């Protein structure tokens, strides 16, 4: 595999039923797209400026919403996607 298409430090974590984080850039992009779609569907596009990042530690959610309920819905939607087990939710409520 071409090293240019690998993530800097892939993380292989198998915690019970969890899924490992993606190893390639293409896999990471698919995970980001899946999580973005799930969050938008679950929240009715209630998260503005949604940004999803895949990092060594897991998935990072950023954006803005109007309620803590929407923030919670976004996190649960992200966690339901295979590979989205470890989610850090930095969505701002304002």
N, C-alpha and C. Protein backbone atom coordinates (compact mmCIF):
# COMPACT_ATOMS: atom_id res chain seq x y z
N UNK A 1 0.84 -1.18 0.00
CA UNK A 1 0.00 0.00 0.00
C UNK A 1 0.88 1.24 0.00
N UNK A 2 0.52 2.22 -0.76
CA UNK A 2 1.25 3.48 -0.87
C UNK A 2 1.15 4.22 0.47
N UNK A 3 2.28 4.59 1.04
CA UNK A 3 2.31 5.24 2.36
C UNK A 3 1.61 6.60 2.35
N UNK A 4 1.48 7.25 1.18
CA UNK A 4 0.82 8.55 1.12
C UNK A 4 -0.66 8.44 1.46
N UNK A 5 -1.22 7.25 1.34
CA UNK A 5 -2.65 7.08 1.58
C UNK A 5 -2.96 6.50 2.95
N UNK A 6 -1.97 6.44 3.79
CA UNK A 6 -2.18 5.95 5.15
C UNK A 6 -2.33 7.13 6.09
N UNK A 7 -3.13 6.95 7.12
CA UNK A 7 -3.23 7.98 8.16
C UNK A 7 -1.91 8.01 8.92
N UNK A 8 -1.58 9.14 9.55
CA UNK A 8 -0.29 9.25 10.22
C UNK A 8 0.00 8.15 11.23
N UNK A 9 -0.93 7.86 12.12
CA UNK A 9 -0.73 6.84 13.14
C UNK A 9 -2.02 6.05 13.31
N UNK A 10 -2.24 5.02 12.51
CA UNK A 10 -3.49 4.28 12.65
C UNK A 10 -3.60 3.65 14.03
N UNK A 11 -4.80 3.63 14.53
CA UNK A 11 -5.05 3.07 15.85
C UNK A 11 -5.88 1.81 15.69
N UNK A 12 -5.40 0.75 16.27
CA UNK A 12 -6.14 -0.50 16.25
C UNK A 12 -6.65 -0.75 17.66
N UNK A 13 -7.91 -0.46 17.89
CA UNK A 13 -8.50 -0.68 19.20
C UNK A 13 -9.66 -1.63 19.04
N UNK A 14 -9.67 -2.64 19.83
CA UNK A 14 -10.79 -3.58 19.83
C UNK A 14 -11.28 -3.69 21.26
N UNK A 15 -12.24 -2.85 21.63
CA UNK A 15 -12.80 -2.86 22.98
C UNK A 15 -14.15 -3.55 22.93
N UNK A 16 -14.18 -4.83 23.15
CA UNK A 16 -15.45 -5.53 23.10
C UNK A 16 -16.04 -5.48 21.72
N UNK A 17 -17.14 -4.73 21.56
CA UNK A 17 -17.83 -4.65 20.29
C UNK A 17 -17.37 -3.46 19.44
N UNK A 18 -16.33 -2.75 19.87
CA UNK A 18 -15.93 -1.56 19.11
C UNK A 18 -15.23 -1.96 17.82
N UNK A 19 -15.16 -1.00 16.92
CA UNK A 19 -14.54 -1.19 15.62
C UNK A 19 -13.24 -0.41 15.59
N UNK A 20 -12.22 -0.90 14.89
CA UNK A 20 -10.98 -0.14 14.81
C UNK A 20 -11.17 1.12 13.98
N UNK A 21 -10.34 2.10 14.27
CA UNK A 21 -10.35 3.31 13.46
C UNK A 21 -9.77 2.99 12.09
N UNK A 22 -10.13 3.76 11.07
CA UNK A 22 -9.64 3.50 9.72
C UNK A 22 -8.13 3.64 9.62
N UNK A 23 -7.55 2.87 8.73
CA UNK A 23 -6.11 2.93 8.53
C UNK A 23 -5.71 3.79 7.34
N UNK A 24 -6.59 3.97 6.38
CA UNK A 24 -6.24 4.73 5.19
C UNK A 24 -7.06 6.01 5.12
N UNK A 25 -6.57 6.94 4.32
CA UNK A 25 -7.28 8.19 4.13
C UNK A 25 -8.65 7.95 3.51
N UNK A 26 -8.73 7.04 2.55
CA UNK A 26 -10.01 6.74 1.91
C UNK A 26 -11.01 6.19 2.92
N UNK A 27 -10.56 5.30 3.81
CA UNK A 27 -11.45 4.75 4.83
C UNK A 27 -11.89 5.85 5.80
N UNK A 28 -10.99 6.74 6.15
CA UNK A 28 -11.32 7.85 7.05
C UNK A 28 -12.35 8.77 6.41
N UNK A 29 -12.19 9.04 5.12
CA UNK A 29 -13.14 9.90 4.41
C UNK A 29 -14.53 9.25 4.37
N UNK A 30 -14.58 7.94 4.18
CA UNK A 30 -15.87 7.24 4.20
C UNK A 30 -16.51 7.31 5.57
N UNK A 31 -15.71 7.16 6.62
CA UNK A 31 -16.23 7.24 7.99
C UNK A 31 -16.77 8.64 8.26
N UNK A 32 -16.03 9.67 7.86
CA UNK A 32 -16.47 11.05 8.05
C UNK A 32 -17.80 11.27 7.34
N UNK A 33 -17.90 10.85 6.09
CA UNK A 33 -19.15 11.04 5.33
C UNK A 33 -20.31 10.30 5.98
N UNK A 34 -20.07 9.09 6.47
CA UNK A 34 -21.13 8.30 7.12
C UNK A 34 -21.61 8.97 8.39
N UNK A 35 -20.67 9.49 9.18
CA UNK A 35 -21.04 10.15 10.43
C UNK A 35 -21.77 11.46 10.14
N UNK A 36 -21.29 12.22 9.17
CA UNK A 36 -21.98 13.48 8.83
C UNK A 36 -23.41 13.20 8.40
N UNK A 37 -23.60 12.19 7.57
CA UNK A 37 -24.95 11.83 7.10
C UNK A 37 -25.83 11.41 8.27
N UNK A 38 -25.30 10.57 9.17
CA UNK A 38 -26.07 10.09 10.31
C UNK A 38 -26.46 11.24 11.24
N UNK A 39 -25.53 12.16 11.48
CA UNK A 39 -25.81 13.29 12.38
C UNK A 39 -26.86 14.20 11.75
N UNK A 40 -26.72 14.50 10.47
CA UNK A 40 -27.70 15.36 9.80
C UNK A 40 -29.09 14.73 9.81
N UNK A 41 -29.15 13.42 9.55
CA UNK A 41 -30.45 12.74 9.54
C UNK A 41 -31.07 12.70 10.93
N UNK A 42 -30.28 12.38 11.93
CA UNK A 42 -30.79 12.24 13.30
C UNK A 42 -31.22 13.56 13.91
N UNK A 43 -30.52 14.63 13.56
CA UNK A 43 -30.81 15.93 14.17
C UNK A 43 -31.66 16.82 13.27
N UNK A 44 -32.06 16.33 12.11
CA UNK A 44 -32.81 17.18 11.18
C UNK A 44 -31.99 18.38 10.74
N UNK A 45 -30.71 18.13 10.53
CA UNK A 45 -29.75 19.19 10.16
C UNK A 45 -29.68 20.28 11.23
N UNK A 46 -29.86 19.85 12.49
CA UNK A 46 -29.84 20.79 13.61
C UNK A 46 -28.46 21.20 14.06
N UNK A 47 -27.41 20.59 13.51
CA UNK A 47 -26.04 20.99 13.84
C UNK A 47 -25.51 21.83 12.68
N UNK A 48 -25.21 23.08 12.98
CA UNK A 48 -24.68 23.98 11.95
C UNK A 48 -23.16 23.86 11.90
N UNK A 49 -22.61 24.06 10.73
CA UNK A 49 -21.15 24.03 10.55
C UNK A 49 -20.53 22.73 11.09
N UNK A 50 -21.20 21.61 10.86
CA UNK A 50 -20.71 20.33 11.37
C UNK A 50 -19.37 19.99 10.73
N UNK A 51 -18.42 19.64 11.59
CA UNK A 51 -17.12 19.16 11.14
C UNK A 51 -16.82 17.87 11.89
N UNK A 52 -16.44 16.86 11.16
CA UNK A 52 -16.10 15.56 11.73
C UNK A 52 -14.64 15.29 11.39
N UNK A 53 -13.85 14.97 12.41
CA UNK A 53 -12.44 14.66 12.20
C UNK A 53 -12.15 13.28 12.77
N UNK A 54 -11.35 12.50 12.05
CA UNK A 54 -10.90 11.20 12.54
C UNK A 54 -9.46 11.39 13.01
N UNK A 55 -9.24 11.09 14.27
CA UNK A 55 -7.91 11.23 14.88
C UNK A 55 -7.49 9.91 15.49
N UNK A 56 -6.25 9.86 15.95
CA UNK A 56 -5.75 8.64 16.59
C UNK A 56 -6.61 8.23 17.78
N UNK A 57 -7.12 9.24 18.51
CA UNK A 57 -7.89 8.98 19.73
C UNK A 57 -9.33 8.60 19.44
N UNK A 58 -9.79 8.87 18.23
CA UNK A 58 -11.18 8.60 17.89
C UNK A 58 -11.74 9.67 16.99
N UNK A 59 -13.04 9.86 17.06
CA UNK A 59 -13.75 10.80 16.19
C UNK A 59 -14.06 12.07 16.98
N UNK A 60 -13.84 13.22 16.35
CA UNK A 60 -14.11 14.51 16.96
C UNK A 60 -15.26 15.18 16.22
N UNK A 61 -16.29 15.60 16.97
CA UNK A 61 -17.42 16.33 16.40
C UNK A 61 -17.30 17.79 16.80
N UNK A 62 -17.47 18.67 15.81
CA UNK A 62 -17.49 20.11 16.08
C UNK A 62 -18.63 20.73 15.29
N UNK A 63 -19.12 21.83 15.78
CA UNK A 63 -20.21 22.55 15.12
C UNK A 63 -20.96 23.34 16.16
N UNK A 64 -22.18 23.76 15.79
CA UNK A 64 -23.01 24.54 16.70
C UNK A 64 -24.45 24.06 16.59
N UNK A 65 -25.16 24.12 17.70
CA UNK A 65 -26.58 23.76 17.68
C UNK A 65 -27.30 24.59 18.74
N UNK A 66 -28.63 24.45 18.79
CA UNK A 66 -29.44 25.28 19.68
C UNK A 66 -29.77 24.63 21.01
N UNK A 67 -29.51 23.32 21.17
CA UNK A 67 -29.89 22.67 22.42
C UNK A 67 -28.94 21.53 22.77
N UNK A 68 -28.90 21.23 24.06
CA UNK A 68 -28.09 20.10 24.51
C UNK A 68 -28.69 18.78 24.02
N UNK A 69 -29.98 18.77 23.82
CA UNK A 69 -30.64 17.57 23.28
C UNK A 69 -30.12 17.27 21.87
N UNK A 70 -30.02 18.30 21.03
CA UNK A 70 -29.50 18.11 19.68
C UNK A 70 -28.05 17.66 19.73
N UNK A 71 -27.27 18.23 20.64
CA UNK A 71 -25.87 17.82 20.81
C UNK A 71 -25.80 16.34 21.17
N UNK A 72 -26.68 15.91 22.07
CA UNK A 72 -26.71 14.50 22.48
C UNK A 72 -27.14 13.61 21.32
N UNK A 73 -28.15 14.03 20.57
CA UNK A 73 -28.57 13.25 19.40
C UNK A 73 -27.43 13.08 18.41
N UNK A 74 -26.66 14.13 18.20
CA UNK A 74 -25.53 14.08 17.28
C UNK A 74 -24.49 13.06 17.75
N UNK A 75 -24.22 13.06 19.03
CA UNK A 75 -23.23 12.12 19.57
C UNK A 75 -23.70 10.69 19.42
N UNK A 76 -24.94 10.44 19.74
CA UNK A 76 -25.47 9.06 19.62
C UNK A 76 -25.50 8.61 18.17
N UNK A 77 -25.82 9.51 17.26
CA UNK A 77 -25.81 9.16 15.84
C UNK A 77 -24.40 8.80 15.39
N UNK A 78 -23.41 9.57 15.82
CA UNK A 78 -22.03 9.29 15.45
C UNK A 78 -21.56 7.96 16.03
N UNK A 79 -21.94 7.68 17.27
CA UNK A 79 -21.52 6.45 17.92
C UNK A 79 -22.17 5.22 17.32
N UNK A 80 -23.30 5.38 16.66
CA UNK A 80 -23.99 4.25 16.05
C UNK A 80 -23.36 3.82 14.73
N UNK A 81 -22.52 4.66 14.16
CA UNK A 81 -21.84 4.33 12.91
C UNK A 81 -20.64 3.43 13.22
N UNK A 82 -20.49 2.29 12.54
CA UNK A 82 -19.31 1.45 12.78
C UNK A 82 -18.01 2.24 12.59
N UNK A 83 -17.18 2.25 13.62
CA UNK A 83 -15.95 3.03 13.60
C UNK A 83 -16.09 4.32 14.39
N UNK A 84 -17.32 4.66 14.79
CA UNK A 84 -17.55 5.89 15.54
C UNK A 84 -17.70 5.65 17.02
N UNK A 85 -17.09 4.59 17.52
CA UNK A 85 -17.24 4.22 18.93
C UNK A 85 -16.70 5.28 19.89
N UNK A 86 -15.50 5.76 19.62
CA UNK A 86 -14.85 6.72 20.51
C UNK A 86 -15.09 8.12 19.97
N UNK A 87 -16.09 8.83 20.52
CA UNK A 87 -16.48 10.14 20.02
C UNK A 87 -16.21 11.19 21.09
N UNK A 88 -15.54 12.27 20.67
CA UNK A 88 -15.39 13.45 21.51
C UNK A 88 -16.31 14.50 20.92
N UNK A 89 -17.24 14.98 21.72
CA UNK A 89 -18.27 15.88 21.23
C UNK A 89 -17.93 17.31 21.67
N UNK A 90 -17.44 18.12 20.74
CA UNK A 90 -17.14 19.52 21.01
C UNK A 90 -18.13 20.45 20.32
N UNK A 91 -19.34 19.95 20.07
CA UNK A 91 -20.38 20.79 19.47
C UNK A 91 -20.80 21.83 20.50
N UNK A 92 -20.82 23.09 20.09
CA UNK A 92 -21.19 24.19 20.99
C UNK A 92 -22.71 24.39 20.97
N UNK A 93 -23.26 24.61 22.14
CA UNK A 93 -24.68 24.92 22.26
C UNK A 93 -24.80 26.43 22.48
N UNK A 94 -25.55 27.09 21.56
CA UNK A 94 -25.73 28.54 21.72
C UNK A 94 -27.09 28.95 21.21
